[in-house]
């Protein structure tokens, strides 16, 4: 595997980190999802840097990106586009929406209705959209980075399980410590650092890295280890819905990407351990009808499963 791959990844990670100080793990995992051709959902309180990370990642790539600010009155056509009647030609012309970009930043996705949220489903899963009987192929690479506030906040709509399943990783950023927060205040003295970012990677380089991810070796013992973890979620007494085969495939591709980002050509068991919670927790459902705290309960269950599942040597 070319050593220049690791230099490209390091340059991208350094560039994005300029806009999100003190959160190297969040930046690291965002790049993992990007190289694995997955999508990211960042869930956290307002004002902790969700949008900054999304914009920094988009601006660090020399590609077309669009940002959507979701609102309760947003329609599917605001995302997909619509046909406009041209009187001089006496015909309809399709005007593509912001989904026809390489990177789409969907800010506060849970502030729009489930009907509008579902407009992203086909795009995220198939790389295409169907509008008025026509199918349109999206640009490649195609990457959705969505942010959402916790559902307890007023004016939010919980994402349905099939929508959550389309996100490879669900991340939390959290508040910075005091020293980092002071540095953030200083760095914003003359403006937003994210607005000063320059591209650190071309589309051709990104596509080459995404192909390289698929060449990362996964030993058969790692496959068995991953599948044992997935199987345990399906029979755990605290879960009403375990991880699907799609979830297992997603974790498989994610650990390949993590290995590449960590400058390795092979996957190790620690890659599975590290990504099990951010990849799997938002796909399972705990028993009980109360949604509050459900994600935390599922995370706890997955950590329990990791502790008792034998690690391959």
C-alpha atoms as a PDB file:
ATOM      1  CA  UNK A   1       0.000   0.000   0.000  1.00  0.00           C
ATOM      2  CA  UNK A   2       1.354   3.432  -0.966  1.00  0.00           C
ATOM      3  CA  UNK A   3       2.941   5.358   1.920  1.00  0.00           C
ATOM      4  CA  UNK A   4       1.603   8.582   0.429  1.00  0.00           C
ATOM      5  CA  UNK A   5      -1.879   7.482   1.504  1.00  0.00           C
ATOM      6  CA  UNK A   6      -0.931   8.021   5.119  1.00  0.00           C
ATOM      7  CA  UNK A   7       0.457  11.480   4.320  1.00  0.00           C
ATOM      8  CA  UNK A   8      -2.824  12.463   2.652  1.00  0.00           C
ATOM      9  CA  UNK A   9      -4.840  11.283   5.644  1.00  0.00           C
ATOM     10  CA  UNK A  10      -2.587  13.113   8.102  1.00  0.00           C
ATOM     11  CA  UNK A  11      -2.880  16.351   6.105  1.00  0.00           C
ATOM     12  CA  UNK A  12      -6.678  16.083   6.081  1.00  0.00           C
ATOM     13  CA  UNK A  13      -6.840  15.347   9.810  1.00  0.00           C
ATOM     14  CA  UNK A  14      -4.544  18.269  10.651  1.00  0.00           C
ATOM     15  CA  UNK A  15      -6.608  20.635   8.529  1.00  0.00           C
ATOM     16  CA  UNK A  16      -9.959  19.670  10.069  1.00  0.00           C
ATOM     17  CA  UNK A  17      -8.508  19.869  13.597  1.00  0.00           C
ATOM     18  CA  UNK A  18      -7.812  23.573  13.103  1.00  0.00           C
ATOM     19  CA  UNK A  19     -11.555  24.227  13.265  1.00  0.00           C
ATOM     20  CA  UNK A  20     -12.377  21.794  16.085  1.00  0.00           C
ATOM     21  CA  UNK A  21      -9.813  22.238  18.813  1.00  0.00           C
ATOM     22  CA  UNK A  22      -9.342  19.636  21.519  1.00  0.00           C
ATOM     23  CA  UNK A  23     -11.476  16.944  19.874  1.00  0.00           C
ATOM     24  CA  UNK A  24      -9.023  14.680  18.008  1.00  0.00           C
ATOM     25  CA  UNK A  25     -11.157  11.544  18.434  1.00  0.00           C
ATOM     26  CA  UNK A  26     -14.197  13.167  16.803  1.00  0.00           C
ATOM     27  CA  UNK A  27     -12.076  14.323  13.858  1.00  0.00           C
ATOM     28  CA  UNK A  28     -10.413  10.909  13.611  1.00  0.00           C
ATOM     29  CA  UNK A  29     -13.693   9.007  13.456  1.00  0.00           C
ATOM     30  CA  UNK A  30     -15.254  11.468  11.003  1.00  0.00           C
ATOM     31  CA  UNK A  31     -12.412  10.744   8.586  1.00  0.00           C
ATOM     32  CA  UNK A  32     -12.864   7.011   9.168  1.00  0.00           C
ATOM     33  CA  UNK A  33     -16.487   7.269   7.992  1.00  0.00           C
ATOM     34  CA  UNK A  34     -15.536   9.434   5.013  1.00  0.00           C
ATOM     35  CA  UNK A  35     -12.947   6.938   3.753  1.00  0.00           C
ATOM     36  CA  UNK A  36     -15.327   4.030   4.359  1.00  0.00           C
ATOM     37  CA  UNK A  37     -17.964   5.713   2.165  1.00  0.00           C
ATOM     38  CA  UNK A  38     -20.314   5.977   5.123  1.00  0.00           C
ATOM     39  CA  UNK A  39     -22.355   8.830   6.527  1.00  0.00           C
ATOM     40  CA  UNK A  40     -22.103  10.501   9.931  1.00  0.00           C
ATOM     41  CA  UNK A  41     -24.671  11.649  12.464  1.00  0.00           C
ATOM     42  CA  UNK A  42     -23.315  13.986  15.155  1.00  0.00           C
ATOM     43  CA  UNK A  43     -25.641  14.143  18.136  1.00  0.00           C
ATOM     44  CA  UNK A  44     -24.964  16.620  20.920  1.00  0.00           C
ATOM     45  CA  UNK A  45     -26.129  19.776  22.636  1.00  0.00           C
ATOM     46  CA  UNK A  46     -26.212  23.052  20.683  1.00  0.00           C
ATOM     47  CA  UNK A  47     -22.994  25.027  20.460  1.00  0.00           C
ATOM     48  CA  UNK A  48     -20.361  22.322  21.022  1.00  0.00           C
ATOM     49  CA  UNK A  49     -18.965  22.301  17.468  1.00  0.00           C
ATOM     50  CA  UNK A  50     -21.184  19.932  15.471  1.00  0.00           C
ATOM     51  CA  UNK A  51     -21.582  22.314  12.543  1.00  0.00           C
ATOM     52  CA  UNK A  52     -17.942  23.415  12.762  1.00  0.00           C
ATOM     53  CA  UNK A  53     -16.781  19.814  12.291  1.00  0.00           C
ATOM     54  CA  UNK A  54     -19.171  19.317   9.395  1.00  0.00           C
ATOM     55  CA  UNK A  55     -18.109  22.510   7.615  1.00  0.00           C
ATOM     56  CA  UNK A  56     -14.404  21.889   8.288  1.00  0.00           C
ATOM     57  CA  UNK A  57     -14.551  18.433   6.749  1.00  0.00           C
ATOM     58  CA  UNK A  58     -16.419  19.754   3.725  1.00  0.00           C
ATOM     59  CA  UNK A  59     -14.061  22.700   3.184  1.00  0.00           C
ATOM     60  CA  UNK A  60     -10.986  20.481   3.583  1.00  0.00           C
ATOM     61  CA  UNK A  61     -11.953  18.593   0.434  1.00  0.00           C
ATOM     62  CA  UNK A  62     -11.706  20.251  -2.942  1.00  0.00           C
ATOM     63  CA  UNK A  63     -15.253  19.394  -3.923  1.00  0.00           C
ATOM     64  CA  UNK A  64     -18.785  20.745  -4.153  1.00  0.00           C
ATOM     65  CA  UNK A  65     -20.709  20.859  -0.904  1.00  0.00           C
ATOM     66  CA  UNK A  66     -24.029  22.265   0.247  1.00  0.00           C
ATOM     67  CA  UNK A  67     -25.408  22.994   3.686  1.00  0.00           C
ATOM     68  CA  UNK A  68     -29.054  22.522   4.650  1.00  0.00           C
ATOM     69  CA  UNK A  69     -30.508  24.171   7.737  1.00  0.00           C
ATOM     70  CA  UNK A  70     -33.472  21.994   8.593  1.00  0.00           C
ATOM     71  CA  UNK A  71     -36.729  23.550   9.763  1.00  0.00           C
ATOM     72  CA  UNK A  72     -40.190  22.109  10.525  1.00  0.00           C
ATOM     73  CA  UNK A  73     -41.636  23.548   7.290  1.00  0.00           C
ATOM     74  CA  UNK A  74     -38.941  22.109   5.005  1.00  0.00           C
ATOM     75  CA  UNK A  75     -40.277  19.929   2.158  1.00  0.00           C
ATOM     76  CA  UNK A  76     -38.645  16.938   0.401  1.00  0.00           C
ATOM     77  CA  UNK A  77     -38.333  19.066  -2.735  1.00  0.00           C
ATOM     78  CA  UNK A  78     -36.134  21.489  -0.785  1.00  0.00           C
ATOM     79  CA  UNK A  79     -33.598  18.651  -0.599  1.00  0.00           C
ATOM     80  CA  UNK A  80     -34.138  16.732  -3.824  1.00  0.00           C
ATOM     81  CA  UNK A  81     -35.163  19.488  -6.209  1.00  0.00           C
ATOM     82  CA  UNK A  82     -38.258  19.872  -8.366  1.00  0.00           C
ATOM     83  CA  UNK A  83     -39.504  20.467 -11.893  1.00  0.00           C
ATOM     84  CA  UNK A  84     -40.159  24.038 -12.986  1.00  0.00           C
ATOM     85  CA  UNK A  85     -42.465  24.930 -15.884  1.00  0.00           C
ATOM     86  CA  UNK A  86     -40.773  27.029 -18.598  1.00  0.00           C
ATOM     87  CA  UNK A  87     -43.470  29.050 -20.427  1.00  0.00           C
ATOM     88  CA  UNK A  88     -41.222  29.909 -23.383  1.00  0.00           C
ATOM     89  CA  UNK A  89     -40.560  26.203 -24.035  1.00  0.00           C
ATOM     90  CA  UNK A  90     -43.944  24.931 -22.827  1.00  0.00           C
ATOM     91  CA  UNK A  91     -42.228  22.156 -20.901  1.00  0.00           C
ATOM     92  CA  UNK A  92     -40.975  21.250 -17.436  1.00  0.00           C
ATOM     93  CA  UNK A  93     -37.300  21.402 -16.523  1.00  0.00           C
ATOM     94  CA  UNK A  94     -35.819  19.619 -13.510  1.00  0.00           C
ATOM     95  CA  UNK A  95     -33.864  21.844 -11.131  1.00  0.00           C
ATOM     96  CA  UNK A  96     -31.640  19.684  -8.911  1.00  0.00           C
ATOM     97  CA  UNK A  97     -31.618  20.359  -5.177  1.00  0.00           C
ATOM     98  CA  UNK A  98     -28.675  20.489  -2.773  1.00  0.00           C
ATOM     99  CA  UNK A  99     -28.560  16.673  -2.540  1.00  0.00           C
ATOM    100  CA  UNK A 100     -26.733  16.770  -5.898  1.00  0.00           C
ATOM    101  CA  UNK A 101     -23.396  17.640  -4.279  1.00  0.00           C
ATOM    102  CA  UNK A 102     -20.387  15.628  -3.174  1.00  0.00           C
ATOM    103  CA  UNK A 103     -20.842  16.551   0.488  1.00  0.00           C
ATOM    104  CA  UNK A 104     -24.184  17.512   2.013  1.00  0.00           C
ATOM    105  CA  UNK A 105     -24.163  19.003   5.506  1.00  0.00           C
ATOM    106  CA  UNK A 106     -27.630  18.559   7.018  1.00  0.00           C
ATOM    107  CA  UNK A 107     -27.772  20.777  10.088  1.00  0.00           C
ATOM    108  CA  UNK A 108     -30.258  19.864  12.848  1.00  0.00           C
ATOM    109  CA  UNK A 109     -31.809  17.044  10.843  1.00  0.00           C
ATOM    110  CA  UNK A 110     -34.259  16.243  13.634  1.00  0.00           C
ATOM    111  CA  UNK A 111     -35.865  19.692  13.361  1.00  0.00           C
ATOM    112  CA  UNK A 112     -37.589  18.664  10.140  1.00  0.00           C
ATOM    113  CA  UNK A 113     -40.477  16.228   9.811  1.00  0.00           C
ATOM    114  CA  UNK A 114     -40.060  12.459   9.240  1.00  0.00           C
ATOM    115  CA  UNK A 115     -41.490  12.882   5.724  1.00  0.00           C
ATOM    116  CA  UNK A 116     -38.660  15.229   4.785  1.00  0.00           C
ATOM    117  CA  UNK A 117     -36.080  13.144   6.631  1.00  0.00           C
ATOM    118  CA  UNK A 118     -37.079  10.150   4.505  1.00  0.00           C
ATOM    119  CA  UNK A 119     -36.120  12.070   1.352  1.00  0.00           C
ATOM    120  CA  UNK A 120     -32.514  11.297   2.289  1.00  0.00           C
ATOM    121  CA  UNK A 121     -33.018   7.528   2.616  1.00  0.00           C
ATOM    122  CA  UNK A 122     -32.612   6.461  -1.003  1.00  0.00           C
ATOM    123  CA  UNK A 123     -29.784   8.943  -1.557  1.00  0.00           C
ATOM    124  CA  UNK A 124     -27.782   7.686   1.416  1.00  0.00           C
ATOM    125  CA  UNK A 125     -28.358   4.001   0.696  1.00  0.00           C
ATOM    126  CA  UNK A 126     -28.317   3.809  -3.102  1.00  0.00           C
ATOM    127  CA  UNK A 127     -26.435   6.915  -4.236  1.00  0.00           C
ATOM    128  CA  UNK A 128     -29.442   7.927  -6.327  1.00  0.00           C
ATOM    129  CA  UNK A 129     -32.817   9.636  -5.980  1.00  0.00           C
ATOM    130  CA  UNK A 130     -36.166   9.018  -7.668  1.00  0.00           C
ATOM    131  CA  UNK A 131     -38.168  12.134  -8.481  1.00  0.00           C
ATOM    132  CA  UNK A 132     -41.424  12.234 -10.437  1.00  0.00           C
ATOM    133  CA  UNK A 133     -40.796   8.821 -11.976  1.00  0.00           C
ATOM    134  CA  UNK A 134     -37.198   9.582 -12.979  1.00  0.00           C
ATOM    135  CA  UNK A 135     -34.067   8.185 -11.318  1.00  0.00           C
ATOM    136  CA  UNK A 136     -31.050  10.456 -10.993  1.00  0.00           C
ATOM    137  CA  UNK A 137     -27.574   9.233 -10.048  1.00  0.00           C
ATOM    138  CA  UNK A 138     -25.755  11.347  -7.480  1.00  0.00           C
ATOM    139  CA  UNK A 139     -22.174  12.549  -7.722  1.00  0.00           C
ATOM    140  CA  UNK A 140     -19.349  10.407  -6.407  1.00  0.00           C
ATOM    141  CA  UNK A 141     -18.037  10.466  -3.819  1.00  0.00           C
ATOM    142  CA  UNK A 142     -21.267  11.254  -1.952  1.00  0.00           C
ATOM    143  CA  UNK A 143     -21.165  11.936   1.771  1.00  0.00           C
ATOM    144  CA  UNK A 144     -23.870  13.103   4.190  1.00  0.00           C
ATOM    145  CA  UNK A 145     -22.839  14.656   7.485  1.00  0.00           C
ATOM    146  CA  UNK A 146     -25.875  15.399   9.629  1.00  0.00           C
ATOM    147  CA  UNK A 147     -26.134  17.017  13.033  1.00  0.00           C
ATOM    148  CA  UNK A 148     -28.929  16.808  15.539  1.00  0.00           C
ATOM    149  CA  UNK A 149     -29.723  18.093  18.992  1.00  0.00           C
ATOM    150  CA  UNK A 150     -30.839  15.573  21.630  1.00  0.00           C
ATOM    151  CA  UNK A 151     -34.533  14.733  21.162  1.00  0.00           C
ATOM    152  CA  UNK A 152     -35.360  16.119  24.582  1.00  0.00           C
ATOM    153  CA  UNK A 153     -34.931  19.627  23.185  1.00  0.00           C
ATOM    154  CA  UNK A 154     -38.149  21.372  22.159  1.00  0.00           C
ATOM    155  CA  UNK A 155     -39.098  21.314  18.483  1.00  0.00           C
ATOM    156  CA  UNK A 156     -37.327  18.122  17.454  1.00  0.00           C
ATOM    157  CA  UNK A 157     -38.538  14.933  15.721  1.00  0.00           C
ATOM    158  CA  UNK A 158     -36.863  11.634  16.596  1.00  0.00           C
ATOM    159  CA  UNK A 159     -35.235   9.978  13.579  1.00  0.00           C
ATOM    160  CA  UNK A 160     -36.884   6.650  12.668  1.00  0.00           C
ATOM    161  CA  UNK A 161     -34.807   3.488  12.989  1.00  0.00           C
ATOM    162  CA  UNK A 162     -34.487   2.966   9.225  1.00  0.00           C
ATOM    163  CA  UNK A 163     -33.057   6.487   8.882  1.00  0.00           C
ATOM    164  CA  UNK A 164     -30.593   5.958  11.734  1.00  0.00           C
ATOM    165  CA  UNK A 165     -29.454   2.712  10.118  1.00  0.00           C
ATOM    166  CA  UNK A 166     -28.151   4.656   7.105  1.00  0.00           C
ATOM    167  CA  UNK A 167     -25.544   6.441   9.231  1.00  0.00           C
ATOM    168  CA  UNK A 168     -22.287   4.555   9.631  1.00  0.00           C
ATOM    169  CA  UNK A 169     -21.267   6.399  12.804  1.00  0.00           C
ATOM    170  CA  UNK A 170     -23.141   8.292  15.472  1.00  0.00           C
ATOM    171  CA  UNK A 171     -20.762  10.611  17.325  1.00  0.00           C
ATOM    172  CA  UNK A 172     -20.884  12.899  20.330  1.00  0.00           C
ATOM    173  CA  UNK A 173     -18.454  15.801  20.635  1.00  0.00           C
ATOM    174  CA  UNK A 174     -18.960  16.977  24.210  1.00  0.00           C
ATOM    175  CA  UNK A 175     -17.792  20.141  25.931  1.00  0.00           C
ATOM    176  CA  UNK A 176     -14.079  21.075  25.745  1.00  0.00           C
ATOM    177  CA  UNK A 177     -11.961  21.402  28.851  1.00  0.00           C
ATOM    178  CA  UNK A 178     -11.134  24.849  30.251  1.00  0.00           C
ATOM    179  CA  UNK A 179      -7.728  25.253  28.584  1.00  0.00           C
ATOM    180  CA  UNK A 180      -9.068  24.293  25.150  1.00  0.00           C
ATOM    181  CA  UNK A 181     -12.118  26.526  25.548  1.00  0.00           C
ATOM    182  CA  UNK A 182      -9.825  29.466  26.289  1.00  0.00           C
ATOM    183  CA  UNK A 183      -7.873  28.683  23.122  1.00  0.00           C
ATOM    184  CA  UNK A 184     -11.161  28.596  21.189  1.00  0.00           C
ATOM    185  CA  UNK A 185     -12.017  32.102  22.407  1.00  0.00           C
ATOM    186  CA  UNK A 186      -8.640  33.369  21.239  1.00  0.00           C
ATOM    187  CA  UNK A 187      -8.839  31.663  17.834  1.00  0.00           C
ATOM    188  CA  UNK A 188     -12.233  33.287  17.153  1.00  0.00           C
ATOM    189  CA  UNK A 189     -10.975  36.781  17.856  1.00  0.00           C
ATOM    190  CA  UNK A 190     -10.639  37.686  14.185  1.00  0.00           C
ATOM    191  CA  UNK A 191     -13.380  35.450  12.767  1.00  0.00           C
ATOM    192  CA  UNK A 192     -14.379  31.826  12.289  1.00  0.00           C
ATOM    193  CA  UNK A 193     -11.326  29.536  11.809  1.00  0.00           C
ATOM    194  CA  UNK A 194     -13.379  27.208   9.589  1.00  0.00           C
ATOM    195  CA  UNK A 195     -13.860  30.024   7.065  1.00  0.00           C
ATOM    196  CA  UNK A 196     -10.084  30.263   6.623  1.00  0.00           C
ATOM    197  CA  UNK A 197      -9.553  26.593   5.783  1.00  0.00           C
ATOM    198  CA  UNK A 198      -8.120  25.591   2.420  1.00  0.00           C
ATOM    199  CA  UNK A 199      -8.656  22.229   0.719  1.00  0.00           C
ATOM    200  CA  UNK A 200      -6.233  19.569   1.946  1.00  0.00           C
ATOM    201  CA  UNK A 201      -7.286  16.722  -0.333  1.00  0.00           C
ATOM    202  CA  UNK A 202      -8.550  16.411  -3.885  1.00  0.00           C
ATOM    203  CA  UNK A 203     -11.486  14.301  -5.029  1.00  0.00           C
ATOM    204  CA  UNK A 204      -9.099  12.000  -6.890  1.00  0.00           C
ATOM    205  CA  UNK A 205      -7.090  11.409  -3.715  1.00  0.00           C
ATOM    206  CA  UNK A 206     -10.255  10.756  -1.718  1.00  0.00           C
ATOM    207  CA  UNK A 207     -11.527   8.244  -4.287  1.00  0.00           C
ATOM    208  CA  UNK A 208      -8.154   6.471  -4.259  1.00  0.00           C
ATOM    209  CA  UNK A 209      -8.215   6.229  -0.469  1.00  0.00           C
ATOM    210  CA  UNK A 210     -11.766   4.866  -0.509  1.00  0.00           C
ATOM    211  CA  UNK A 211     -10.636   2.137  -2.895  1.00  0.00           C
ATOM    212  CA  UNK A 212      -7.612   1.423  -0.691  1.00  0.00           C
ATOM    213  CA  UNK A 213      -9.894   0.816   2.310  1.00  0.00           C
ATOM    214  CA  UNK A 214     -11.330  -2.254   0.580  1.00  0.00           C
ATOM    215  CA  UNK A 215      -7.829  -3.718   0.251  1.00  0.00           C
ATOM    216  CA  UNK A 216      -7.209  -3.663   4.014  1.00  0.00           C
ATOM    217  CA  UNK A 217      -6.884  -7.278   5.175  1.00  0.00           C
ATOM    218  CA  UNK A 218      -9.396  -8.676   7.671  1.00  0.00           C
ATOM    219  CA  UNK A 219      -8.394 -12.043   9.138  1.00  0.00           C
ATOM    220  CA  UNK A 220     -11.086 -14.690   9.380  1.00  0.00           C
ATOM    221  CA  UNK A 221     -10.745 -14.697  13.166  1.00  0.00           C
ATOM    222  CA  UNK A 222     -11.661 -10.987  13.183  1.00  0.00           C
ATOM    223  CA  UNK A 223     -14.748 -11.757  11.099  1.00  0.00           C
ATOM    224  CA  UNK A 224     -15.810 -14.388  13.633  1.00  0.00           C
ATOM    225  CA  UNK A 225     -15.185 -11.976  16.515  1.00  0.00           C
ATOM    226  CA  UNK A 226     -17.265  -9.255  14.866  1.00  0.00           C
ATOM    227  CA  UNK A 227     -20.128 -11.620  14.125  1.00  0.00           C
ATOM    228  CA  UNK A 228     -20.163 -13.010  17.670  1.00  0.00           C
ATOM    229  CA  UNK A 229     -20.646  -9.474  18.979  1.00  0.00           C
ATOM    230  CA  UNK A 230     -23.482  -8.873  16.510  1.00  0.00           C
ATOM    231  CA  UNK A 231     -25.114 -12.201  17.380  1.00  0.00           C
ATOM    232  CA  UNK A 232     -25.064 -11.366  21.103  1.00  0.00           C
ATOM    233  CA  UNK A 233     -27.079  -8.190  20.485  1.00  0.00           C
ATOM    234  CA  UNK A 234     -29.868 -10.260  18.886  1.00  0.00           C
ATOM    235  CA  UNK A 235     -30.412 -12.416  21.960  1.00  0.00           C
ATOM    236  CA  UNK A 236     -29.541  -9.993  24.741  1.00  0.00           C
ATOM    237  CA  UNK A 237     -32.407  -9.767  27.283  1.00  0.00           C
ATOM    238  CA  UNK A 238     -32.211  -5.956  27.467  1.00  0.00           C
ATOM    239  CA  UNK A 239     -32.562  -5.395  23.717  1.00  0.00           C
ATOM    240  CA  UNK A 240     -35.770  -5.682  21.703  1.00  0.00           C
ATOM    241  CA  UNK A 241     -33.948  -5.176  18.378  1.00  0.00           C
ATOM    242  CA  UNK A 242     -30.407  -6.351  17.728  1.00  0.00           C
ATOM    243  CA  UNK A 243     -27.947  -5.535  14.966  1.00  0.00           C
ATOM    244  CA  UNK A 244     -28.888  -6.452  11.393  1.00  0.00           C
ATOM    245  CA  UNK A 245     -26.652  -7.910   8.699  1.00  0.00           C
ATOM    246  CA  UNK A 246     -26.347  -4.407   7.273  1.00  0.00           C
ATOM    247  CA  UNK A 247     -25.030  -3.274  10.642  1.00  0.00           C
ATOM    248  CA  UNK A 248     -22.433  -6.071  10.609  1.00  0.00           C
ATOM    249  CA  UNK A 249     -21.319  -5.098   7.101  1.00  0.00           C
ATOM    250  CA  UNK A 250     -21.078  -1.471   8.167  1.00  0.00           C
ATOM    251  CA  UNK A 251     -18.863  -2.349  11.136  1.00  0.00           C
ATOM    252  CA  UNK A 252     -16.710  -4.506   8.842  1.00  0.00           C
ATOM    253  CA  UNK A 253     -16.097  -1.627   6.436  1.00  0.00           C
ATOM    254  CA  UNK A 254     -15.549   0.843   9.280  1.00  0.00           C
ATOM    255  CA  UNK A 255     -12.798  -1.229  10.902  1.00  0.00           C
ATOM    256  CA  UNK A 256     -11.062  -1.536   7.531  1.00  0.00           C
ATOM    257  CA  UNK A 257     -11.087   2.250   7.276  1.00  0.00           C
ATOM    258  CA  UNK A 258      -9.864   2.719  10.851  1.00  0.00           C
ATOM    259  CA  UNK A 259      -6.923   0.421  10.149  1.00  0.00           C
ATOM    260  CA  UNK A 260      -5.950   2.528   7.124  1.00  0.00           C
ATOM    261  CA  UNK A 261      -6.288   5.789   9.068  1.00  0.00           C
ATOM    262  CA  UNK A 262      -4.089   4.209  11.779  1.00  0.00           C
ATOM    263  CA  UNK A 263      -1.487   3.479   9.066  1.00  0.00           C
ATOM    264  CA  UNK A 264      -2.020  -0.280   8.986  1.00  0.00           C
ATOM    265  CA  UNK A 265      -2.816  -2.658   6.127  1.00  0.00           C
ATOM    266  CA  UNK A 266      -4.654  -5.103   8.406  1.00  0.00           C
ATOM    267  CA  UNK A 267      -7.405  -4.997  11.043  1.00  0.00           C
ATOM    268  CA  UNK A 268      -6.776  -5.873  14.701  1.00  0.00           C
ATOM    269  CA  UNK A 269      -9.351  -6.755  17.403  1.00  0.00           C
ATOM    270  CA  UNK A 270      -8.943  -3.340  19.043  1.00  0.00           C
ATOM    271  CA  UNK A 271     -10.383  -1.749  15.875  1.00  0.00           C
ATOM    272  CA  UNK A 272     -13.607  -3.685  16.423  1.00  0.00           C
ATOM    273  CA  UNK A 273     -13.667  -2.741  20.115  1.00  0.00           C
ATOM    274  CA  UNK A 274     -13.101   0.931  19.358  1.00  0.00           C
ATOM    275  CA  UNK A 275     -15.847   1.221  16.758  1.00  0.00           C
ATOM    276  CA  UNK A 276     -18.475  -1.136  18.165  1.00  0.00           C
ATOM    277  CA  UNK A 277     -20.290   1.553  20.172  1.00  0.00           C
ATOM    278  CA  UNK A 278     -20.287   4.417  17.605  1.00  0.00           C
ATOM    279  CA  UNK A 279     -21.259   2.052  14.769  1.00  0.00           C
ATOM    280  CA  UNK A 280     -23.773  -0.202  16.539  1.00  0.00           C
ATOM    281  CA  UNK A 281     -25.403   1.708  19.427  1.00  0.00           C
ATOM    282  CA  UNK A 282     -27.771   3.770  17.277  1.00  0.00           C
ATOM    283  CA  UNK A 283     -28.963   0.652  15.392  1.00  0.00           C
ATOM    284  CA  UNK A 284     -30.230  -1.370  18.375  1.00  0.00           C
ATOM    285  CA  UNK A 285     -33.303  -0.694  20.513  1.00  0.00           C
ATOM    286  CA  UNK A 286     -33.569  -1.377  24.216  1.00  0.00           C
ATOM    287  CA  UNK A 287     -36.714  -2.825  25.764  1.00  0.00           C
ATOM    288  CA  UNK A 288     -39.296  -0.429  27.183  1.00  0.00           C
ATOM    289  CA  UNK A 289     -41.397   2.342  25.684  1.00  0.00           C
ATOM    290  CA  UNK A 290     -39.457   5.324  27.043  1.00  0.00           C
ATOM    291  CA  UNK A 291     -37.035   6.827  24.521  1.00  0.00           C
ATOM    292  CA  UNK A 292     -35.243   8.991  27.076  1.00  0.00           C
ATOM    293  CA  UNK A 293     -31.846   7.523  27.862  1.00  0.00           C
ATOM    294  CA  UNK A 294     -32.322   4.639  25.416  1.00  0.00           C
ATOM    295  CA  UNK A 295     -29.049   5.309  23.553  1.00  0.00           C
ATOM    296  CA  UNK A 296     -27.087   5.263  26.815  1.00  0.00           C
ATOM    297  CA  UNK A 297     -28.695   1.950  27.793  1.00  0.00           C
ATOM    298  CA  UNK A 298     -27.772   0.401  24.445  1.00  0.00           C
ATOM    299  CA  UNK A 299     -24.198   1.660  24.750  1.00  0.00           C
ATOM    300  CA  UNK A 300     -23.956  -0.019  28.133  1.00  0.00           C
ATOM    301  CA  UNK A 301     -25.221  -3.291  26.703  1.00  0.00           C
ATOM    302  CA  UNK A 302     -22.700  -3.243  23.849  1.00  0.00           C
ATOM    303  CA  UNK A 303     -19.864  -2.558  26.299  1.00  0.00           C
ATOM    304  CA  UNK A 304     -21.030  -5.545  28.354  1.00  0.00           C
ATOM    305  CA  UNK A 305     -21.001  -7.718  25.239  1.00  0.00           C
ATOM    306  CA  UNK A 306     -17.467  -6.552  24.377  1.00  0.00           C
ATOM    307  CA  UNK A 307     -16.254  -7.439  27.848  1.00  0.00           C
ATOM    308  CA  UNK A 308     -17.545 -11.009  27.763  1.00  0.00           C
ATOM    309  CA  UNK A 309     -16.785 -11.838  24.102  1.00  0.00           C
ATOM    310  CA  UNK A 310     -13.518 -13.715  23.689  1.00  0.00           C
ATOM    311  CA  UNK A 311     -10.926 -11.716  21.754  1.00  0.00           C
ATOM    312  CA  UNK A 312      -9.040 -13.568  18.972  1.00  0.00           C
ATOM    313  CA  UNK A 313      -5.278 -13.921  19.441  1.00  0.00           C
END
